[in-house]
Amino acid sequence: MNDHAHQVDFQAAASLYKWPSLNNSRREDRTPYMVVNGTLDQCIRDFMDKPEKTRHLYEIRTRSQPPLVTDVLSPEHVLELSRLREFL
């Protein structure tokens, strides 16, 4: 994994989006809205600052960086990238 870890560009452009919610559940019938526009690193940090119980309402959108980074990062994926970033 270490070889791939160096391929992640944490300075890549990214945006943090929040899904509209009802009773702390995503409203799939609505469109998510942007709350942060910056770098992947900044979006990961802002995501990690959110209360844990609401993180499932967020996603990060960025350019794909195979094999570790997809266009849309789920909360679980963001947590893994956060751990990788701290490791590096």
N, C-alpha and C. Protein backbone atom coordinates (compact mmCIF):
# COMPACT_ATOMS: atom_id res chain seq x y z
N MET A 1 0.82 -1.19 0.00
CA MET A 1 0.00 0.00 0.00
C MET A 1 0.86 1.25 0.00
N ASN A 2 2.04 1.17 0.53
CA ASN A 2 2.89 2.34 0.62
C ASN A 2 3.23 2.91 -0.75
N ASP A 3 3.41 2.04 -1.76
CA ASP A 3 3.69 2.55 -3.11
C ASP A 3 2.53 3.39 -3.63
N HIS A 4 1.30 2.95 -3.39
CA HIS A 4 0.12 3.68 -3.85
C HIS A 4 -0.11 4.94 -3.03
N ALA A 5 0.27 4.91 -1.76
CA ALA A 5 0.02 6.04 -0.88
C ALA A 5 0.68 7.30 -1.40
N HIS A 6 1.84 7.16 -2.00
CA HIS A 6 2.56 8.32 -2.51
C HIS A 6 1.91 8.89 -3.77
N GLN A 7 0.96 8.17 -4.35
CA GLN A 7 0.29 8.64 -5.55
C GLN A 7 -0.92 9.51 -5.23
N VAL A 8 -1.33 9.59 -3.97
CA VAL A 8 -2.48 10.41 -3.62
C VAL A 8 -2.05 11.86 -3.53
N ASP A 9 -2.68 12.69 -4.33
CA ASP A 9 -2.40 14.13 -4.33
C ASP A 9 -3.41 14.81 -3.41
N PHE A 10 -3.03 15.08 -2.18
CA PHE A 10 -3.92 15.71 -1.22
C PHE A 10 -4.12 17.20 -1.52
N GLN A 11 -3.36 17.74 -2.48
CA GLN A 11 -3.54 19.14 -2.88
C GLN A 11 -4.46 19.26 -4.11
N ALA A 12 -4.99 18.14 -4.57
CA ALA A 12 -5.91 18.16 -5.72
C ALA A 12 -7.18 18.93 -5.35
N ALA A 13 -7.77 19.56 -6.34
CA ALA A 13 -9.02 20.29 -6.12
C ALA A 13 -10.11 19.33 -5.68
N ALA A 14 -10.91 19.76 -4.72
CA ALA A 14 -11.99 18.92 -4.20
C ALA A 14 -13.07 19.81 -3.60
N SER A 15 -14.26 19.23 -3.43
CA SER A 15 -15.38 19.94 -2.82
C SER A 15 -16.07 19.00 -1.84
N LEU A 16 -16.46 19.55 -0.70
CA LEU A 16 -17.22 18.82 0.30
C LEU A 16 -18.69 19.15 0.10
N TYR A 17 -19.51 18.13 -0.04
CA TYR A 17 -20.94 18.30 -0.26
C TYR A 17 -21.73 17.73 0.92
N LYS A 18 -22.87 18.33 1.19
CA LYS A 18 -23.78 17.83 2.22
C LYS A 18 -25.12 17.52 1.57
N TRP A 19 -25.65 16.37 1.93
CA TRP A 19 -26.97 15.98 1.46
C TRP A 19 -28.02 16.61 2.36
N PRO A 20 -29.07 17.18 1.79
CA PRO A 20 -30.19 17.61 2.62
C PRO A 20 -30.70 16.39 3.40
N SER A 21 -31.19 16.63 4.60
CA SER A 21 -31.59 15.50 5.43
C SER A 21 -32.95 15.73 6.08
N LEU A 22 -33.51 14.64 6.50
CA LEU A 22 -34.75 14.63 7.27
C LEU A 22 -34.59 13.54 8.31
N ASN A 23 -34.72 13.91 9.57
CA ASN A 23 -34.52 12.96 10.67
C ASN A 23 -33.16 12.28 10.59
N ASN A 24 -32.13 13.07 10.26
CA ASN A 24 -30.75 12.62 10.17
C ASN A 24 -30.54 11.54 9.10
N SER A 25 -31.38 11.53 8.08
CA SER A 25 -31.23 10.61 6.96
C SER A 25 -31.13 11.42 5.67
N ARG A 26 -30.31 10.93 4.76
CA ARG A 26 -30.17 11.61 3.47
C ARG A 26 -31.50 11.67 2.75
N ARG A 27 -31.75 12.81 2.14
CA ARG A 27 -32.91 12.96 1.27
C ARG A 27 -32.43 12.68 -0.15
N GLU A 28 -32.57 11.46 -0.58
CA GLU A 28 -32.10 11.05 -1.91
C GLU A 28 -32.87 11.74 -3.02
N ASP A 29 -34.03 12.32 -2.67
CA ASP A 29 -34.82 13.02 -3.68
C ASP A 29 -34.37 14.47 -3.85
N ARG A 30 -33.35 14.87 -3.12
CA ARG A 30 -32.79 16.22 -3.20
C ARG A 30 -31.36 16.17 -3.70
N THR A 31 -30.85 17.31 -4.08
CA THR A 31 -29.48 17.42 -4.59
C THR A 31 -28.56 17.90 -3.47
N PRO A 32 -27.40 17.24 -3.30
CA PRO A 32 -26.46 17.73 -2.29
C PRO A 32 -25.92 19.10 -2.68
N TYR A 33 -25.53 19.87 -1.67
CA TYR A 33 -25.00 21.21 -1.93
C TYR A 33 -23.58 21.33 -1.38
N MET A 34 -22.79 22.18 -2.04
CA MET A 34 -21.40 22.35 -1.68
C MET A 34 -21.27 23.20 -0.41
N VAL A 35 -20.42 22.73 0.52
CA VAL A 35 -20.15 23.51 1.73
C VAL A 35 -18.70 23.98 1.79
N VAL A 36 -17.80 23.29 1.07
CA VAL A 36 -16.38 23.69 1.03
C VAL A 36 -15.87 23.43 -0.37
N ASN A 37 -15.13 24.39 -0.91
CA ASN A 37 -14.45 24.22 -2.19
C ASN A 37 -12.98 24.52 -1.94
N GLY A 38 -12.13 23.52 -2.08
CA GLY A 38 -10.71 23.72 -1.78
C GLY A 38 -9.91 22.54 -2.26
N THR A 39 -9.01 22.07 -1.41
CA THR A 39 -8.17 20.91 -1.74
C THR A 39 -8.74 19.66 -1.08
N LEU A 40 -8.28 18.52 -1.53
CA LEU A 40 -8.68 17.26 -0.92
C LEU A 40 -8.32 17.26 0.56
N ASP A 41 -7.14 17.73 0.89
CA ASP A 41 -6.70 17.81 2.28
C ASP A 41 -7.65 18.67 3.12
N GLN A 42 -7.99 19.84 2.62
CA GLN A 42 -8.89 20.74 3.35
C GLN A 42 -10.27 20.11 3.53
N CYS A 43 -10.78 19.47 2.48
CA CYS A 43 -12.10 18.84 2.57
C CYS A 43 -12.09 17.69 3.58
N ILE A 44 -11.01 16.90 3.60
CA ILE A 44 -10.91 15.82 4.58
C ILE A 44 -10.90 16.40 5.99
N ARG A 45 -10.13 17.46 6.21
CA ARG A 45 -10.08 18.08 7.54
C ARG A 45 -11.45 18.63 7.96
N ASP A 46 -12.12 19.30 7.04
CA ASP A 46 -13.44 19.84 7.35
C ASP A 46 -14.44 18.72 7.61
N PHE A 47 -14.35 17.65 6.86
CA PHE A 47 -15.21 16.49 7.09
C PHE A 47 -14.97 15.92 8.49
N MET A 48 -13.71 15.76 8.86
CA MET A 48 -13.38 15.18 10.17
C MET A 48 -13.82 16.08 11.32
N ASP A 49 -13.98 17.38 11.06
CA ASP A 49 -14.46 18.30 12.09
C ASP A 49 -15.97 18.20 12.32
N LYS A 50 -16.67 17.54 11.40
CA LYS A 50 -18.13 17.39 11.54
C LYS A 50 -18.42 16.39 12.66
N PRO A 51 -19.55 16.55 13.34
CA PRO A 51 -19.92 15.56 14.36
C PRO A 51 -20.02 14.16 13.73
N GLU A 52 -19.51 13.18 14.41
CA GLU A 52 -19.48 11.82 13.88
C GLU A 52 -20.88 11.33 13.48
N LYS A 53 -21.89 11.73 14.24
CA LYS A 53 -23.25 11.23 13.97
C LYS A 53 -23.88 11.85 12.72
N THR A 54 -23.22 12.88 12.14
CA THR A 54 -23.76 13.49 10.92
C THR A 54 -22.86 13.28 9.70
N ARG A 55 -21.76 12.63 9.85
CA ARG A 55 -20.81 12.46 8.74
C ARG A 55 -21.40 11.70 7.57
N HIS A 56 -22.37 10.84 7.81
CA HIS A 56 -22.97 10.08 6.71
C HIS A 56 -23.73 10.97 5.73
N LEU A 57 -23.94 12.24 6.10
CA LEU A 57 -24.64 13.18 5.23
C LEU A 57 -23.69 13.89 4.26
N TYR A 58 -22.40 13.62 4.36
CA TYR A 58 -21.39 14.33 3.56
C TYR A 58 -20.69 13.40 2.59
N GLU A 59 -20.16 14.00 1.52
CA GLU A 59 -19.30 13.30 0.58
C GLU A 59 -18.32 14.30 -0.01
N ILE A 60 -17.20 13.79 -0.46
CA ILE A 60 -16.20 14.64 -1.10
C ILE A 60 -16.14 14.26 -2.58
N ARG A 61 -16.12 15.28 -3.42
CA ARG A 61 -15.99 15.07 -4.86
C ARG A 61 -14.66 15.66 -5.31
N THR A 62 -13.93 14.87 -6.07
CA THR A 62 -12.61 15.26 -6.55
C THR A 62 -12.32 14.48 -7.82
N ARG A 63 -11.19 14.74 -8.42
CA ARG A 63 -10.82 13.95 -9.60
C ARG A 63 -10.32 12.58 -9.13
N SER A 64 -10.60 11.59 -9.93
CA SER A 64 -10.20 10.23 -9.62
C SER A 64 -8.68 10.10 -9.61
N GLN A 65 -8.16 9.38 -8.62
CA GLN A 65 -6.73 9.06 -8.52
C GLN A 65 -6.62 7.56 -8.23
N PRO A 66 -6.83 6.73 -9.26
CA PRO A 66 -6.80 5.29 -9.03
C PRO A 66 -5.49 4.83 -8.42
N PRO A 67 -5.50 3.84 -7.59
CA PRO A 67 -6.65 3.03 -7.19
C PRO A 67 -7.30 3.49 -5.88
N LEU A 68 -6.76 4.49 -5.23
CA LEU A 68 -7.24 4.84 -3.88
C LEU A 68 -8.32 5.91 -3.83
N VAL A 69 -8.37 6.78 -4.80
CA VAL A 69 -9.30 7.91 -4.74
C VAL A 69 -10.27 7.83 -5.92
N THR A 70 -11.57 7.83 -5.60
CA THR A 70 -12.60 7.82 -6.63
C THR A 70 -13.16 9.23 -6.78
N ASP A 71 -13.99 9.44 -7.79
CA ASP A 71 -14.58 10.76 -8.04
C ASP A 71 -15.44 11.25 -6.87
N VAL A 72 -16.18 10.33 -6.26
CA VAL A 72 -17.03 10.66 -5.12
C VAL A 72 -16.60 9.77 -3.96
N LEU A 73 -16.20 10.41 -2.87
CA LEU A 73 -15.71 9.68 -1.70
C LEU A 73 -16.80 9.58 -0.65
N SER A 74 -17.12 8.37 -0.27
CA SER A 74 -18.11 8.13 0.78
C SER A 74 -17.49 8.47 2.14
N PRO A 75 -18.30 8.62 3.16
CA PRO A 75 -17.76 8.89 4.50
C PRO A 75 -16.74 7.84 4.94
N GLU A 76 -16.99 6.58 4.66
CA GLU A 76 -16.05 5.52 5.04
C GLU A 76 -14.72 5.68 4.31
N HIS A 77 -14.79 6.05 3.06
CA HIS A 77 -13.59 6.25 2.25
C HIS A 77 -12.80 7.45 2.77
N VAL A 78 -13.50 8.51 3.15
CA VAL A 78 -12.83 9.71 3.68
C VAL A 78 -12.10 9.36 4.97
N LEU A 79 -12.71 8.54 5.82
CA LEU A 79 -12.05 8.13 7.07
C LEU A 79 -10.75 7.39 6.79
N GLU A 80 -10.77 6.50 5.80
CA GLU A 80 -9.57 5.76 5.44
C GLU A 80 -8.49 6.69 4.88
N LEU A 81 -8.88 7.63 4.04
CA LEU A 81 -7.90 8.59 3.50
C LEU A 81 -7.34 9.48 4.60
N SER A 82 -8.16 9.82 5.58
CA SER A 82 -7.69 10.62 6.72
C SER A 82 -6.61 9.87 7.49
N ARG A 83 -6.83 8.57 7.70
CA ARG A 83 -5.83 7.76 8.40
C ARG A 83 -4.55 7.66 7.57
N LEU A 84 -4.70 7.50 6.27
CA LEU A 84 -3.54 7.41 5.38
C LEU A 84 -2.76 8.72 5.42
N ARG A 85 -3.47 9.83 5.35
CA ARG A 85 -2.82 11.15 5.37
C ARG A 85 -2.03 11.34 6.66
N GLU A 86 -2.60 10.93 7.77
CA GLU A 86 -1.91 11.06 9.07
C GLU A 86 -0.69 10.15 9.14
N PHE A 87 -0.80 8.97 8.51
CA PHE A 87 0.29 8.02 8.49
C PHE A 87 1.49 8.57 7.74
N LEU A 88 1.20 9.29 6.64
CA LEU A 88 2.26 9.82 5.80
C LEU A 88 2.91 11.01 6.48
